[in-house]
Amino acid sequence: DALGYVYDAITLTRTKLDGRAPLIGFTGSPWTLFVYVTEGRKTKSYTQVSKWVHCEEEFSHRILKVMSHVCAQYLIRQVEAGAQILQVFDSHANVLPPKEWAQFSLPYLNMVAEIVK
């Protein structure tokens, strides 16, 4: 398992905390991961991700769906390893106007939540 070290660290941390504080697991949101994948580097213009969502809308949704499942499985594995609370960071939500956020981010945040619960 390529991420075994992450889950081992969670288990070790939970053990060391010994109930003194809850252990938080986390992941980036599907949208945030999509931004990182399409841009390939830090950006202020978001040119590439804009091209994807406007020129390849259907394919963008397919990728976001896959990323939702990946994020959910990552969170589930963190819970299995000992995480007690989960957080999803939608770090690039500010890139989208509200209507596009409701189209390209919110449904996939909901999908992650449904799979994890």
Foldseek 3Di string as FASTA:
>chain_A
DVCPVVLLVLLVVLVVCVPVDAAEAEEEFLQVVLLCVQVVDDDDPSVRVVCCCVVVVVVLVVSSQVSLVVRLVSVLSNVVSGHDHYDYHPPCLVVDDPVVCVVRGVVSVVSSVVSND
